[in-house]
Amino acid sequence: MEGTMDEKIKRINELYHLSQERDLTEEEKKEQATLRWDYINSIKRNLSSQLESITIKEPDGTLRKVTKNKG
């Protein structure tokens, strides 16, 4: 689905409220799943970007960038 994240969140909420009133159609369920997946991936990307910008100051004064754990 195209659109801004705010538009996607609004549609996720619309589908949620609709699901409280009646069963969603298969098409609506697929749309909801896709929108939720997009939202989760967006959150992961934002968190990764934030973590990559963090520098830790070690007790000896050296600075170390946070790196992705490969384990």
N, C-alpha and C. Protein backbone atom coordinates (compact mmCIF):
# COMPACT_ATOMS: atom_id res chain seq x y z
N MET A 1 0.84 -1.19 0.00
CA MET A 1 0.00 0.00 0.00
C MET A 1 0.88 1.24 0.00
N GLU A 2 0.54 2.15 -0.86
CA GLU A 2 1.28 3.41 -0.93
C GLU A 2 0.73 4.37 0.12
N GLY A 3 1.51 5.38 0.44
CA GLY A 3 1.05 6.40 1.38
C GLY A 3 2.06 6.58 2.50
N THR A 4 1.80 7.60 3.30
CA THR A 4 2.68 7.88 4.42
C THR A 4 2.40 6.91 5.54
N MET A 5 3.32 6.84 6.49
CA MET A 5 3.12 5.95 7.63
C MET A 5 1.90 6.39 8.43
N ASP A 6 1.65 7.68 8.54
CA ASP A 6 0.47 8.16 9.25
C ASP A 6 -0.81 7.65 8.59
N GLU A 7 -0.83 7.65 7.27
CA GLU A 7 -2.00 7.14 6.55
C GLU A 7 -2.17 5.65 6.78
N LYS A 8 -1.04 4.93 6.81
CA LYS A 8 -1.10 3.49 7.03
C LYS A 8 -1.61 3.18 8.45
N ILE A 9 -1.12 3.93 9.43
CA ILE A 9 -1.57 3.73 10.81
C ILE A 9 -3.06 4.02 10.92
N LYS A 10 -3.50 5.07 10.26
CA LYS A 10 -4.93 5.41 10.28
C LYS A 10 -5.75 4.25 9.71
N ARG A 11 -5.27 3.66 8.61
CA ARG A 11 -5.99 2.55 7.99
C ARG A 11 -5.94 1.30 8.87
N ILE A 12 -4.82 1.05 9.53
CA ILE A 12 -4.72 -0.08 10.47
C ILE A 12 -5.79 0.08 11.55
N ASN A 13 -5.91 1.28 12.08
CA ASN A 13 -6.90 1.55 13.12
C ASN A 13 -8.33 1.40 12.59
N GLU A 14 -8.57 1.87 11.36
CA GLU A 14 -9.90 1.72 10.76
C GLU A 14 -10.27 0.24 10.65
N LEU A 15 -9.33 -0.55 10.18
CA LEU A 15 -9.59 -1.98 10.03
C LEU A 15 -9.80 -2.65 11.38
N TYR A 16 -9.05 -2.21 12.38
CA TYR A 16 -9.24 -2.77 13.72
C TYR A 16 -10.66 -2.48 14.22
N HIS A 17 -11.08 -1.22 14.11
CA HIS A 17 -12.41 -0.86 14.59
C HIS A 17 -13.50 -1.58 13.79
N LEU A 18 -13.27 -1.74 12.51
CA LEU A 18 -14.22 -2.47 11.68
C LEU A 18 -14.30 -3.93 12.13
N SER A 19 -13.16 -4.50 12.51
CA SER A 19 -13.15 -5.90 12.96
C SER A 19 -13.89 -6.08 14.27
N GLN A 20 -14.05 -5.00 15.03
CA GLN A 20 -14.81 -5.07 16.27
C GLN A 20 -16.31 -5.09 16.01
N GLU A 21 -16.70 -4.60 14.82
CA GLU A 21 -18.11 -4.54 14.45
C GLU A 21 -18.56 -5.78 13.68
N ARG A 22 -17.65 -6.32 12.86
CA ARG A 22 -17.98 -7.47 12.02
C ARG A 22 -16.70 -8.18 11.64
N ASP A 23 -16.85 -9.38 11.08
CA ASP A 23 -15.68 -10.10 10.56
C ASP A 23 -15.15 -9.39 9.32
N LEU A 24 -13.84 -9.29 9.25
CA LEU A 24 -13.22 -8.69 8.07
C LEU A 24 -13.29 -9.66 6.91
N THR A 25 -13.36 -9.12 5.70
CA THR A 25 -13.30 -9.96 4.51
C THR A 25 -11.86 -10.45 4.35
N GLU A 26 -11.68 -11.45 3.51
CA GLU A 26 -10.32 -11.97 3.27
C GLU A 26 -9.41 -10.87 2.73
N GLU A 27 -9.95 -10.03 1.85
CA GLU A 27 -9.16 -8.92 1.28
C GLU A 27 -8.76 -7.93 2.38
N GLU A 28 -9.68 -7.63 3.29
CA GLU A 28 -9.38 -6.71 4.39
C GLU A 28 -8.35 -7.31 5.34
N LYS A 29 -8.44 -8.62 5.59
CA LYS A 29 -7.46 -9.29 6.44
C LYS A 29 -6.07 -9.24 5.83
N LYS A 30 -5.99 -9.45 4.52
CA LYS A 30 -4.70 -9.37 3.82
C LYS A 30 -4.14 -7.96 3.89
N GLU A 31 -5.01 -6.96 3.67
CA GLU A 31 -4.58 -5.56 3.74
C GLU A 31 -4.07 -5.24 5.14
N GLN A 32 -4.80 -5.69 6.15
CA GLN A 32 -4.41 -5.44 7.54
C GLN A 32 -3.04 -6.07 7.84
N ALA A 33 -2.84 -7.30 7.40
CA ALA A 33 -1.56 -7.98 7.63
C ALA A 33 -0.42 -7.25 6.92
N THR A 34 -0.65 -6.82 5.70
CA THR A 34 0.38 -6.09 4.94
C THR A 34 0.72 -4.77 5.62
N LEU A 35 -0.30 -4.04 6.04
CA LEU A 35 -0.08 -2.76 6.71
C LEU A 35 0.69 -2.95 8.03
N ARG A 36 0.32 -3.96 8.78
CA ARG A 36 1.01 -4.23 10.05
C ARG A 36 2.46 -4.59 9.80
N TRP A 37 2.71 -5.39 8.76
CA TRP A 37 4.08 -5.79 8.41
C TRP A 37 4.90 -4.55 8.03
N ASP A 38 4.32 -3.67 7.23
CA ASP A 38 5.00 -2.42 6.84
C ASP A 38 5.33 -1.59 8.07
N TYR A 39 4.38 -1.50 8.99
CA TYR A 39 4.56 -0.71 10.21
C TYR A 39 5.69 -1.29 11.06
N ILE A 40 5.67 -2.59 11.27
CA ILE A 40 6.71 -3.24 12.07
C ILE A 40 8.08 -3.05 11.45
N ASN A 41 8.18 -3.23 10.13
CA ASN A 41 9.47 -3.04 9.45
C ASN A 41 9.95 -1.61 9.56
N SER A 42 9.04 -0.66 9.50
CA SER A 42 9.41 0.74 9.66
C SER A 42 9.98 1.01 11.05
N ILE A 43 9.36 0.45 12.06
CA ILE A 43 9.85 0.60 13.43
C ILE A 43 11.24 -0.02 13.56
N LYS A 44 11.45 -1.19 12.99
CA LYS A 44 12.76 -1.84 13.05
C LYS A 44 13.83 -0.99 12.38
N ARG A 45 13.51 -0.44 11.19
CA ARG A 45 14.48 0.41 10.48
C ARG A 45 14.83 1.65 11.30
N ASN A 46 13.83 2.28 11.88
CA ASN A 46 14.07 3.48 12.68
C ASN A 46 14.92 3.16 13.90
N LEU A 47 14.62 2.06 14.57
CA LEU A 47 15.40 1.67 15.74
C LEU A 47 16.84 1.36 15.36
N SER A 48 17.04 0.65 14.26
CA SER A 48 18.40 0.34 13.80
C SER A 48 19.18 1.61 13.52
N SER A 49 18.54 2.57 12.87
CA SER A 49 19.21 3.85 12.57
C SER A 49 19.61 4.57 13.85
N GLN A 50 18.73 4.55 14.82
CA GLN A 50 19.04 5.22 16.09
C GLN A 50 20.19 4.53 16.80
N LEU A 51 20.17 3.20 16.82
CA LEU A 51 21.23 2.46 17.49
C LEU A 51 22.58 2.66 16.81
N GLU A 52 22.57 2.74 15.48
CA GLU A 52 23.82 2.93 14.74
C GLU A 52 24.46 4.28 15.02
N SER A 53 23.69 5.24 15.50
CA SER A 53 24.25 6.56 15.77
C SER A 53 24.77 6.70 17.21
N ILE A 54 24.66 5.65 18.00
CA ILE A 54 25.09 5.69 19.40
C ILE A 54 26.57 5.35 19.51
N THR A 55 27.27 6.13 20.34
CA THR A 55 28.67 5.88 20.65
C THR A 55 28.78 5.68 22.15
N ILE A 56 29.52 4.66 22.56
CA ILE A 56 29.71 4.36 23.98
C ILE A 56 31.11 4.78 24.39
N LYS A 57 31.17 5.49 25.51
CA LYS A 57 32.47 5.89 26.05
C LYS A 57 32.89 4.83 27.06
N GLU A 58 34.01 4.18 26.76
CA GLU A 58 34.53 3.13 27.63
C GLU A 58 35.21 3.76 28.85
N PRO A 59 35.42 2.97 29.90
CA PRO A 59 36.06 3.50 31.11
C PRO A 59 37.45 4.10 30.86
N ASP A 60 38.16 3.61 29.85
CA ASP A 60 39.49 4.16 29.55
C ASP A 60 39.42 5.42 28.69
N GLY A 61 38.19 5.86 28.35
CA GLY A 61 38.02 7.09 27.59
C GLY A 61 37.85 6.90 26.09
N THR A 62 38.09 5.70 25.60
CA THR A 62 37.91 5.47 24.17
C THR A 62 36.43 5.43 23.82
N LEU A 63 36.16 5.78 22.58
CA LEU A 63 34.79 5.76 22.10
C LEU A 63 34.58 4.58 21.17
N ARG A 64 33.43 3.92 21.33
CA ARG A 64 33.13 2.74 20.51
C ARG A 64 31.72 2.86 19.97
N LYS A 65 31.60 2.65 18.66
CA LYS A 65 30.28 2.67 18.03
C LYS A 65 29.54 1.38 18.37
N VAL A 66 28.24 1.49 18.51
CA VAL A 66 27.42 0.31 18.73
C VAL A 66 27.36 -0.45 17.42
N THR A 67 27.60 -1.75 17.47
CA THR A 67 27.56 -2.56 16.24
C THR A 67 26.50 -3.65 16.40
N LYS A 68 26.07 -4.15 15.29
CA LYS A 68 25.07 -5.20 15.27
C LYS A 68 25.70 -6.49 15.78
N ASN A 69 25.00 -7.17 16.69
CA ASN A 69 25.46 -8.43 17.22
C ASN A 69 25.28 -9.50 16.15
N LYS A 70 26.31 -10.22 15.83
CA LYS A 70 26.25 -11.21 14.76
C LYS A 70 25.90 -12.60 15.29
N GLY A 71 25.60 -12.70 16.57
CA GLY A 71 25.30 -13.99 17.16
C GLY A 71 23.90 -14.24 17.42
